């Protein structure tokens, strides 16, 4: 069987409505692509049997295009091991990890990008546009310009350990041959630490600003909410863990500066925080979509 161009990886967990909406968007995208270009893998880590039954029904109800492979994990793997399991099962040339609160924001435009994946000189990573809807009914706002994020990833990947300018893993289409597993020892920095390691082994990164992913923030279900007031403490611990572990994450360009907590870095970090919040305020006043 010919391998698909893109494997869409969905780690489901107790949110059937989100998975149903996500599958609908992926099916629209696949409908604009060549037959067999997309495969969908759903690894269901749900602890709720009713939710799991509804998710499985949604998977079996999808059209023949794209092919959907569903598996429920019993016992549950946990969030990060479930992501890694999906990476191991993927057959596509590229992989795209999507969660229940995300979906393609312009499926027909993404199909244009999908057609390019078969070219022999394609980049190792496509960095997509990521727009965030902070509350139901609100206008989605750009997380960060893809071209700027691609530049930061290419030149100073260590900065991501300070500020995630890429967004969630769904903002990346990654060539499977260079994809990295996520570190299950991390919680808050698990995605950006993987991005830094990815950059160490990947070649060209290309920004794609015409379309991408829409992320619907569900504050009560977010990692931020689950960590509560421990978030900053956990972030400091994880930066220390990364610095001591060595490897690509701690030696990436700029990583040493952002991993340290010394007196000499305090003022630049304060200035960086002000600039970041200025960007956020500017986005609220003059949205860049």
C-alpha atoms as a PDB file:
ATOM      1  CA  UNK A   1       0.000   0.000   0.000  1.00  0.00           C
ATOM      2  CA  UNK A   2       1.297   3.444  -0.925  1.00  0.00           C
ATOM      3  CA  UNK A   3       2.136   5.507   2.149  1.00  0.00           C
ATOM      4  CA  UNK A   4       0.008   8.648   2.640  1.00  0.00           C
ATOM      5  CA  UNK A   5       1.511  12.111   2.423  1.00  0.00           C
ATOM      6  CA  UNK A   6       0.167  13.181   5.816  1.00  0.00           C
ATOM      7  CA  UNK A   7      -0.674  11.349   9.016  1.00  0.00           C
ATOM      8  CA  UNK A   8      -3.117  13.281  11.197  1.00  0.00           C
ATOM      9  CA  UNK A   9      -2.553  12.164  14.789  1.00  0.00           C
ATOM     10  CA  UNK A  10      -5.396  12.694  17.274  1.00  0.00           C
ATOM     11  CA  UNK A  11      -4.793  11.857  20.958  1.00  0.00           C
ATOM     12  CA  UNK A  12      -8.388  11.753  22.195  1.00  0.00           C
ATOM     13  CA  UNK A  13      -9.311  12.128  25.850  1.00  0.00           C
ATOM     14  CA  UNK A  14     -12.917  12.429  27.098  1.00  0.00           C
ATOM     15  CA  UNK A  15     -13.935  15.222  24.681  1.00  0.00           C
ATOM     16  CA  UNK A  16     -16.060  13.610  21.951  1.00  0.00           C
ATOM     17  CA  UNK A  17     -17.592  16.870  20.661  1.00  0.00           C
ATOM     18  CA  UNK A  18     -14.137  18.279  19.989  1.00  0.00           C
ATOM     19  CA  UNK A  19     -13.000  15.113  18.223  1.00  0.00           C
ATOM     20  CA  UNK A  20     -16.143  15.144  16.060  1.00  0.00           C
ATOM     21  CA  UNK A  21     -15.509  18.760  15.024  1.00  0.00           C
ATOM     22  CA  UNK A  22     -11.845  18.022  14.355  1.00  0.00           C
ATOM     23  CA  UNK A  23     -12.623  14.987  12.203  1.00  0.00           C
ATOM     24  CA  UNK A  24     -15.110  17.032  10.181  1.00  0.00           C
ATOM     25  CA  UNK A  25     -12.436  19.639   9.392  1.00  0.00           C
ATOM     26  CA  UNK A  26      -9.865  17.003   8.466  1.00  0.00           C
ATOM     27  CA  UNK A  27     -12.363  15.275   6.168  1.00  0.00           C
ATOM     28  CA  UNK A  28     -12.997  18.559   4.351  1.00  0.00           C
ATOM     29  CA  UNK A  29      -9.259  18.997   3.839  1.00  0.00           C
ATOM     30  CA  UNK A  30      -8.834  15.408   2.645  1.00  0.00           C
ATOM     31  CA  UNK A  31     -11.777  15.872   0.273  1.00  0.00           C
ATOM     32  CA  UNK A  32      -9.766  18.523  -1.595  1.00  0.00           C
ATOM     33  CA  UNK A  33      -6.704  16.256  -1.815  1.00  0.00           C
ATOM     34  CA  UNK A  34      -5.786  13.217  -3.856  1.00  0.00           C
ATOM     35  CA  UNK A  35      -7.284   9.906  -2.683  1.00  0.00           C
ATOM     36  CA  UNK A  36      -5.109   8.242  -0.069  1.00  0.00           C
ATOM     37  CA  UNK A  37      -3.104  11.379   0.658  1.00  0.00           C
ATOM     38  CA  UNK A  38      -4.295  11.555   4.274  1.00  0.00           C
ATOM     39  CA  UNK A  39      -4.557   8.986   7.026  1.00  0.00           C
ATOM     40  CA  UNK A  40      -6.065   9.693  10.446  1.00  0.00           C
ATOM     41  CA  UNK A  41      -4.960   7.900  13.610  1.00  0.00           C
ATOM     42  CA  UNK A  42      -7.053   8.267  16.762  1.00  0.00           C
ATOM     43  CA  UNK A  43      -5.524   6.947  19.971  1.00  0.00           C
ATOM     44  CA  UNK A  44      -8.240   7.176  22.606  1.00  0.00           C
ATOM     45  CA  UNK A  45      -6.966   7.573  26.170  1.00  0.00           C
ATOM     46  CA  UNK A  46     -10.442   8.294  27.539  1.00  0.00           C
ATOM     47  CA  UNK A  47     -11.357   7.253  31.066  1.00  0.00           C
ATOM     48  CA  UNK A  48     -15.070   7.772  30.302  1.00  0.00           C
ATOM     49  CA  UNK A  49     -16.666   4.787  28.521  1.00  0.00           C
ATOM     50  CA  UNK A  50     -19.557   6.848  27.135  1.00  0.00           C
ATOM     51  CA  UNK A  51     -17.139   9.403  25.675  1.00  0.00           C
ATOM     52  CA  UNK A  52     -14.998   6.628  24.193  1.00  0.00           C
ATOM     53  CA  UNK A  53     -18.015   5.012  22.518  1.00  0.00           C
ATOM     54  CA  UNK A  54     -18.991   8.331  20.966  1.00  0.00           C
ATOM     55  CA  UNK A  55     -15.434   8.956  19.739  1.00  0.00           C
ATOM     56  CA  UNK A  56     -15.253   5.488  18.183  1.00  0.00           C
ATOM     57  CA  UNK A  57     -18.617   6.060  16.493  1.00  0.00           C
ATOM     58  CA  UNK A  58     -17.351   9.333  15.033  1.00  0.00           C
ATOM     59  CA  UNK A  59     -14.307   7.560  13.629  1.00  0.00           C
ATOM     60  CA  UNK A  60     -16.307   4.767  12.004  1.00  0.00           C
ATOM     61  CA  UNK A  61     -18.792   7.280  10.558  1.00  0.00           C
ATOM     62  CA  UNK A  62     -16.183   9.214   8.571  1.00  0.00           C
ATOM     63  CA  UNK A  63     -16.126   8.791   4.766  1.00  0.00           C
ATOM     64  CA  UNK A  64     -13.779   6.314   3.114  1.00  0.00           C
ATOM     65  CA  UNK A  65     -11.480   9.275   2.416  1.00  0.00           C
ATOM     66  CA  UNK A  66      -9.530   9.708   4.658  1.00  0.00           C
ATOM     67  CA  UNK A  67      -8.815   6.339   6.212  1.00  0.00           C
ATOM     68  CA  UNK A  68      -9.328   6.454   9.997  1.00  0.00           C
ATOM     69  CA  UNK A  69      -7.654   4.015  12.374  1.00  0.00           C
ATOM     70  CA  UNK A  70      -9.097   4.014  15.893  1.00  0.00           C
ATOM     71  CA  UNK A  71      -7.654   2.402  18.982  1.00  0.00           C
ATOM     72  CA  UNK A  72      -8.649   2.731  22.599  1.00  0.00           C
ATOM     73  CA  UNK A  73      -5.853   2.479  25.137  1.00  0.00           C
ATOM     74  CA  UNK A  74      -6.665   0.232  28.086  1.00  0.00           C
ATOM     75  CA  UNK A  75      -5.207   1.030  30.513  1.00  0.00           C
ATOM     76  CA  UNK A  76      -4.700   4.689  29.653  1.00  0.00           C
ATOM     77  CA  UNK A  77      -1.196   5.626  28.549  1.00  0.00           C
ATOM     78  CA  UNK A  78      -1.145   9.208  29.784  1.00  0.00           C
ATOM     79  CA  UNK A  79      -0.972  12.324  27.616  1.00  0.00           C
ATOM     80  CA  UNK A  80       2.652  12.403  26.433  1.00  0.00           C
ATOM     81  CA  UNK A  81       3.071   8.613  25.987  1.00  0.00           C
ATOM     82  CA  UNK A  82      -0.116   8.707  23.922  1.00  0.00           C
ATOM     83  CA  UNK A  83       1.417  11.356  21.616  1.00  0.00           C
ATOM     84  CA  UNK A  84       4.509   9.194  21.216  1.00  0.00           C
ATOM     85  CA  UNK A  85       2.416   6.106  20.498  1.00  0.00           C
ATOM     86  CA  UNK A  86       0.743   7.933  17.624  1.00  0.00           C
ATOM     87  CA  UNK A  87       4.115   8.996  16.227  1.00  0.00           C
ATOM     88  CA  UNK A  88       5.206   5.353  16.271  1.00  0.00           C
ATOM     89  CA  UNK A  89       2.086   4.217  14.392  1.00  0.00           C
ATOM     90  CA  UNK A  90       2.137   6.890  11.678  1.00  0.00           C
ATOM     91  CA  UNK A  91       2.909   5.910   8.065  1.00  0.00           C
ATOM     92  CA  UNK A  92       2.710   9.308   6.370  1.00  0.00           C
ATOM     93  CA  UNK A  93       5.604  11.273   4.955  1.00  0.00           C
ATOM     94  CA  UNK A  94       4.644  14.092   7.344  1.00  0.00           C
ATOM     95  CA  UNK A  95       2.899  14.006  10.723  1.00  0.00           C
ATOM     96  CA  UNK A  96       0.423  16.489  12.209  1.00  0.00           C
ATOM     97  CA  UNK A  97      -0.569  16.227  15.877  1.00  0.00           C
ATOM     98  CA  UNK A  98      -4.003  17.697  16.650  1.00  0.00           C
ATOM     99  CA  UNK A  99      -6.011  17.811  19.879  1.00  0.00           C
ATOM    100  CA  UNK A 100      -9.761  17.949  20.459  1.00  0.00           C
ATOM    101  CA  UNK A 101      -9.736  21.755  20.897  1.00  0.00           C
ATOM    102  CA  UNK A 102      -8.046  22.345  17.522  1.00  0.00           C
ATOM    103  CA  UNK A 103      -9.032  22.076  13.874  1.00  0.00           C
ATOM    104  CA  UNK A 104      -7.856  23.131  10.397  1.00  0.00           C
ATOM    105  CA  UNK A 105      -8.762  26.811  10.013  1.00  0.00           C
ATOM    106  CA  UNK A 106      -8.936  26.764   6.191  1.00  0.00           C
ATOM    107  CA  UNK A 107      -9.148  23.129   5.018  1.00  0.00           C
ATOM    108  CA  UNK A 108      -9.329  23.923   1.312  1.00  0.00           C
ATOM    109  CA  UNK A 109      -6.170  26.072   1.497  1.00  0.00           C
ATOM    110  CA  UNK A 110      -4.323  23.449   3.527  1.00  0.00           C
ATOM    111  CA  UNK A 111      -5.075  20.993   0.733  1.00  0.00           C
ATOM    112  CA  UNK A 112      -2.856  23.154  -1.490  1.00  0.00           C
ATOM    113  CA  UNK A 113       0.002  22.688   0.961  1.00  0.00           C
ATOM    114  CA  UNK A 114      -0.794  18.987   1.182  1.00  0.00           C
ATOM    115  CA  UNK A 115      -0.240  18.647  -2.551  1.00  0.00           C
ATOM    116  CA  UNK A 116       3.282  20.021  -2.131  1.00  0.00           C
ATOM    117  CA  UNK A 117       4.339  17.313   0.320  1.00  0.00           C
ATOM    118  CA  UNK A 118       5.076  14.903  -2.483  1.00  0.00           C
ATOM    119  CA  UNK A 119       7.796  17.126  -3.933  1.00  0.00           C
ATOM    120  CA  UNK A 120      11.318  15.709  -3.371  1.00  0.00           C
ATOM    121  CA  UNK A 121      12.785  18.994  -2.099  1.00  0.00           C
ATOM    122  CA  UNK A 122      10.145  19.752   0.518  1.00  0.00           C
ATOM    123  CA  UNK A 123      11.396  21.253   3.797  1.00  0.00           C
ATOM    124  CA  UNK A 124      11.632  19.079   6.891  1.00  0.00           C
ATOM    125  CA  UNK A 125       9.191  21.278   8.799  1.00  0.00           C
ATOM    126  CA  UNK A 126       6.272  23.471   7.746  1.00  0.00           C
ATOM    127  CA  UNK A 127       5.394  26.037  10.405  1.00  0.00           C
ATOM    128  CA  UNK A 128       1.710  26.867   9.999  1.00  0.00           C
ATOM    129  CA  UNK A 129      -0.362  29.844  10.984  1.00  0.00           C
ATOM    130  CA  UNK A 130      -1.829  29.352  14.462  1.00  0.00           C
ATOM    131  CA  UNK A 131      -4.854  31.398  15.460  1.00  0.00           C
ATOM    132  CA  UNK A 132      -6.308  31.259  18.958  1.00  0.00           C
ATOM    133  CA  UNK A 133      -9.917  31.790  20.013  1.00  0.00           C
ATOM    134  CA  UNK A 134      -9.706  32.786  23.659  1.00  0.00           C
ATOM    135  CA  UNK A 135     -13.431  32.470  24.399  1.00  0.00           C
ATOM    136  CA  UNK A 136     -16.510  31.194  22.516  1.00  0.00           C
ATOM    137  CA  UNK A 137     -17.703  33.680  19.924  1.00  0.00           C
ATOM    138  CA  UNK A 138     -14.585  35.855  20.074  1.00  0.00           C
ATOM    139  CA  UNK A 139     -12.502  36.712  17.015  1.00  0.00           C
ATOM    140  CA  UNK A 140      -9.493  34.365  16.700  1.00  0.00           C
ATOM    141  CA  UNK A 141      -6.142  36.127  17.014  1.00  0.00           C
ATOM    142  CA  UNK A 142      -2.807  35.195  15.513  1.00  0.00           C
ATOM    143  CA  UNK A 143      -0.555  33.560  18.098  1.00  0.00           C
ATOM    144  CA  UNK A 144       2.630  34.818  16.424  1.00  0.00           C
ATOM    145  CA  UNK A 145       3.596  35.509  12.785  1.00  0.00           C
ATOM    146  CA  UNK A 146       4.749  32.182  11.270  1.00  0.00           C
ATOM    147  CA  UNK A 147       7.665  33.798   9.416  1.00  0.00           C
ATOM    148  CA  UNK A 148       8.976  35.330  12.650  1.00  0.00           C
ATOM    149  CA  UNK A 149       8.533  32.054  14.529  1.00  0.00           C
ATOM    150  CA  UNK A 150      10.349  30.140  11.772  1.00  0.00           C
ATOM    151  CA  UNK A 151      13.212  32.651  11.973  1.00  0.00           C
ATOM    152  CA  UNK A 152      13.466  32.233  15.747  1.00  0.00           C
ATOM    153  CA  UNK A 153      13.386  28.447  15.447  1.00  0.00           C
ATOM    154  CA  UNK A 154      16.099  28.541  12.802  1.00  0.00           C
ATOM    155  CA  UNK A 155      18.449  31.061  14.448  1.00  0.00           C
ATOM    156  CA  UNK A 156      17.791  30.989  18.205  1.00  0.00           C
ATOM    157  CA  UNK A 157      15.848  27.827  19.037  1.00  0.00           C
ATOM    158  CA  UNK A 158      16.893  28.089  22.679  1.00  0.00           C
ATOM    159  CA  UNK A 159      14.625  31.132  23.029  1.00  0.00           C
ATOM    160  CA  UNK A 160      11.643  28.771  22.855  1.00  0.00           C
ATOM    161  CA  UNK A 161      12.547  27.598  26.343  1.00  0.00           C
ATOM    162  CA  UNK A 162      11.671  31.124  27.428  1.00  0.00           C
ATOM    163  CA  UNK A 163       8.691  31.867  25.189  1.00  0.00           C
ATOM    164  CA  UNK A 164       6.707  29.543  22.954  1.00  0.00           C
ATOM    165  CA  UNK A 165       6.382  31.601  19.777  1.00  0.00           C
ATOM    166  CA  UNK A 166       5.379  28.530  17.743  1.00  0.00           C
ATOM    167  CA  UNK A 167       2.267  27.565  19.666  1.00  0.00           C
ATOM    168  CA  UNK A 168       0.938  24.006  20.120  1.00  0.00           C
ATOM    169  CA  UNK A 169       2.348  20.994  18.232  1.00  0.00           C
ATOM    170  CA  UNK A 170      -0.521  21.392  15.771  1.00  0.00           C
ATOM    171  CA  UNK A 171       1.304  24.407  14.308  1.00  0.00           C
ATOM    172  CA  UNK A 172       3.864  22.053  12.748  1.00  0.00           C
ATOM    173  CA  UNK A 173       3.798  19.610   9.865  1.00  0.00           C
ATOM    174  CA  UNK A 174       6.934  17.549  10.447  1.00  0.00           C
ATOM    175  CA  UNK A 175       8.637  15.116   8.106  1.00  0.00           C
ATOM    176  CA  UNK A 176       8.327  11.783   9.868  1.00  0.00           C
ATOM    177  CA  UNK A 177      11.971  10.921   9.222  1.00  0.00           C
ATOM    178  CA  UNK A 178      13.110  13.805  11.468  1.00  0.00           C
ATOM    179  CA  UNK A 179      10.243  13.850  14.018  1.00  0.00           C
ATOM    180  CA  UNK A 180      11.248  13.457  17.666  1.00  0.00           C
ATOM    181  CA  UNK A 181       9.421  11.876  20.579  1.00  0.00           C
ATOM    182  CA  UNK A 182       8.168  14.059  23.407  1.00  0.00           C
ATOM    183  CA  UNK A 183       9.807  13.795  26.819  1.00  0.00           C
ATOM    184  CA  UNK A 184       7.316  12.260  29.308  1.00  0.00           C
ATOM    185  CA  UNK A 185       9.345  13.673  32.214  1.00  0.00           C
ATOM    186  CA  UNK A 186       8.180  17.194  31.280  1.00  0.00           C
ATOM    187  CA  UNK A 187       4.791  18.872  31.637  1.00  0.00           C
ATOM    188  CA  UNK A 188       4.977  22.613  31.004  1.00  0.00           C
ATOM    189  CA  UNK A 189       7.910  22.652  28.558  1.00  0.00           C
ATOM    190  CA  UNK A 190       7.195  19.314  26.908  1.00  0.00           C
ATOM    191  CA  UNK A 191       6.312  20.809  23.519  1.00  0.00           C
ATOM    192  CA  UNK A 192       8.999  23.509  23.255  1.00  0.00           C
ATOM    193  CA  UNK A 193      11.748  21.168  24.456  1.00  0.00           C
ATOM    194  CA  UNK A 194      10.781  18.829  21.619  1.00  0.00           C
ATOM    195  CA  UNK A 195      10.839  21.743  19.150  1.00  0.00           C
ATOM    196  CA  UNK A 196      14.423  22.549  20.159  1.00  0.00           C
ATOM    197  CA  UNK A 197      15.532  18.935  19.689  1.00  0.00           C
ATOM    198  CA  UNK A 198      13.638  18.805  16.412  1.00  0.00           C
ATOM    199  CA  UNK A 199      15.543  21.828  15.127  1.00  0.00           C
ATOM    200  CA  UNK A 200      18.858  20.148  15.966  1.00  0.00           C
ATOM    201  CA  UNK A 201      18.088  17.282  13.595  1.00  0.00           C
ATOM    202  CA  UNK A 202      15.962  18.986  10.957  1.00  0.00           C
ATOM    203  CA  UNK A 203      17.013  20.859   7.854  1.00  0.00           C
ATOM    204  CA  UNK A 204      14.951  23.613   6.286  1.00  0.00           C
ATOM    205  CA  UNK A 205      11.972  25.104   8.126  1.00  0.00           C
ATOM    206  CA  UNK A 206       9.395  26.904   5.991  1.00  0.00           C
ATOM    207  CA  UNK A 207       6.660  29.215   7.245  1.00  0.00           C
ATOM    208  CA  UNK A 208       3.167  28.806   5.818  1.00  0.00           C
ATOM    209  CA  UNK A 209       0.996  31.805   6.676  1.00  0.00           C
ATOM    210  CA  UNK A 210      -1.959  31.222   4.340  1.00  0.00           C
ATOM    211  CA  UNK A 211      -3.682  28.683   6.568  1.00  0.00           C
ATOM    212  CA  UNK A 212      -3.105  26.482   9.553  1.00  0.00           C
ATOM    213  CA  UNK A 213      -4.808  25.592  12.789  1.00  0.00           C
ATOM    214  CA  UNK A 214      -7.500  27.192  14.915  1.00  0.00           C
ATOM    215  CA  UNK A 215      -7.025  26.552  18.634  1.00  0.00           C
ATOM    216  CA  UNK A 216     -10.061  27.022  20.855  1.00  0.00           C
ATOM    217  CA  UNK A 217      -8.897  27.805  24.387  1.00  0.00           C
ATOM    218  CA  UNK A 218     -10.807  25.882  27.037  1.00  0.00           C
ATOM    219  CA  UNK A 219      -9.315  27.374  30.175  1.00  0.00           C
ATOM    220  CA  UNK A 220     -10.837  24.867  32.564  1.00  0.00           C
ATOM    221  CA  UNK A 221      -9.343  21.951  30.613  1.00  0.00           C
ATOM    222  CA  UNK A 222      -5.919  23.467  29.881  1.00  0.00           C
ATOM    223  CA  UNK A 223      -2.547  22.434  31.265  1.00  0.00           C
ATOM    224  CA  UNK A 224      -2.306  25.912  32.771  1.00  0.00           C
ATOM    225  CA  UNK A 225      -5.454  25.307  34.808  1.00  0.00           C
ATOM    226  CA  UNK A 226      -4.297  21.871  35.949  1.00  0.00           C
ATOM    227  CA  UNK A 227      -0.976  23.263  37.196  1.00  0.00           C
ATOM    228  CA  UNK A 228      -2.537  26.254  38.933  1.00  0.00           C
ATOM    229  CA  UNK A 229      -0.150  28.294  41.054  1.00  0.00           C
ATOM    230  CA  UNK A 230       2.566  25.667  40.624  1.00  0.00           C
ATOM    231  CA  UNK A 231       3.147  26.645  36.991  1.00  0.00           C
ATOM    232  CA  UNK A 232       6.134  28.952  37.541  1.00  0.00           C
ATOM    233  CA  UNK A 233       7.714  26.547  40.008  1.00  0.00           C
ATOM    234  CA  UNK A 234       7.314  23.664  37.560  1.00  0.00           C
ATOM    235  CA  UNK A 235       8.719  25.757  34.712  1.00  0.00           C
ATOM    236  CA  UNK A 236      11.816  26.627  36.759  1.00  0.00           C
ATOM    237  CA  UNK A 237      12.297  22.993  37.743  1.00  0.00           C
ATOM    238  CA  UNK A 238      11.969  21.822  34.147  1.00  0.00           C
ATOM    239  CA  UNK A 239      14.452  24.426  32.871  1.00  0.00           C
ATOM    240  CA  UNK A 240      16.896  23.219  35.510  1.00  0.00           C
ATOM    241  CA  UNK A 241      16.244  19.620  34.475  1.00  0.00           C
ATOM    242  CA  UNK A 242      16.905  20.474  30.804  1.00  0.00           C
ATOM    243  CA  UNK A 243      20.105  22.366  31.664  1.00  0.00           C
ATOM    244  CA  UNK A 244      21.461  19.481  33.743  1.00  0.00           C
ATOM    245  CA  UNK A 245      20.423  16.771  31.281  1.00  0.00           C
ATOM    246  CA  UNK A 246      22.534  18.253  28.472  1.00  0.00           C
ATOM    247  CA  UNK A 247      21.888  17.316  24.882  1.00  0.00           C
ATOM    248  CA  UNK A 248      20.423  19.387  22.053  1.00  0.00           C
ATOM    249  CA  UNK A 249      17.920  21.214  24.261  1.00  0.00           C
ATOM    250  CA  UNK A 250      20.497  22.730  26.579  1.00  0.00           C
ATOM    251  CA  UNK A 251      23.135  23.450  23.922  1.00  0.00           C
ATOM    252  CA  UNK A 252      20.857  25.074  21.326  1.00  0.00           C
ATOM    253  CA  UNK A 253      21.617  28.643  20.328  1.00  0.00           C
ATOM    254  CA  UNK A 254      20.482  30.935  23.122  1.00  0.00           C
ATOM    255  CA  UNK A 255      19.455  28.097  25.441  1.00  0.00           C
ATOM    256  CA  UNK A 256      22.084  28.767  28.099  1.00  0.00           C
ATOM    257  CA  UNK A 257      20.966  32.362  28.540  1.00  0.00           C
ATOM    258  CA  UNK A 258      17.275  31.540  28.917  1.00  0.00           C
ATOM    259  CA  UNK A 259      17.905  28.524  31.142  1.00  0.00           C
ATOM    260  CA  UNK A 260      19.967  30.480  33.660  1.00  0.00           C
ATOM    261  CA  UNK A 261      18.532  32.459  36.580  1.00  0.00           C
ATOM    262  CA  UNK A 262      21.553  34.649  37.255  1.00  0.00           C
ATOM    263  CA  UNK A 263      21.575  38.334  38.115  1.00  0.00           C
ATOM    264  CA  UNK A 264      22.967  39.315  34.708  1.00  0.00           C
ATOM    265  CA  UNK A 265      19.983  37.800  32.912  1.00  0.00           C
ATOM    266  CA  UNK A 266      17.297  39.395  35.094  1.00  0.00           C
ATOM    267  CA  UNK A 267      17.120  42.754  33.314  1.00  0.00           C
ATOM    268  CA  UNK A 268      17.088  41.351  29.737  1.00  0.00           C
ATOM    269  CA  UNK A 269      14.370  38.903  30.764  1.00  0.00           C
ATOM    270  CA  UNK A 270      12.302  41.714  32.268  1.00  0.00           C
ATOM    271  CA  UNK A 271      12.679  43.692  29.034  1.00  0.00           C
ATOM    272  CA  UNK A 272      11.693  40.646  26.982  1.00  0.00           C
ATOM    273  CA  UNK A 273       8.566  40.233  29.127  1.00  0.00           C
ATOM    274  CA  UNK A 274       7.586  43.858  28.498  1.00  0.00           C
ATOM    275  CA  UNK A 275       8.056  43.434  24.750  1.00  0.00           C
ATOM    276  CA  UNK A 276       5.989  40.244  24.765  1.00  0.00           C
ATOM    277  CA  UNK A 277       3.124  41.875  26.618  1.00  0.00           C
ATOM    278  CA  UNK A 278       3.326  44.875  24.268  1.00  0.00           C
ATOM    279  CA  UNK A 279       2.818  42.430  21.392  1.00  0.00           C
ATOM    280  CA  UNK A 280      -0.184  40.903  23.170  1.00  0.00           C
ATOM    281  CA  UNK A 281      -1.760  44.290  23.872  1.00  0.00           C
ATOM    282  CA  UNK A 282      -1.155  45.319  20.269  1.00  0.00           C
ATOM    283  CA  UNK A 283      -2.890  42.164  19.109  1.00  0.00           C
ATOM    284  CA  UNK A 284      -5.939  43.040  21.158  1.00  0.00           C
ATOM    285  CA  UNK A 285      -6.112  46.590  19.837  1.00  0.00           C
ATOM    286  CA  UNK A 286      -5.114  45.923  16.230  1.00  0.00           C
ATOM    287  CA  UNK A 287      -5.619  42.182  15.584  1.00  0.00           C
ATOM    288  CA  UNK A 288      -3.192  40.656  13.090  1.00  0.00           C
ATOM    289  CA  UNK A 289      -4.956  37.649  11.688  1.00  0.00           C
END
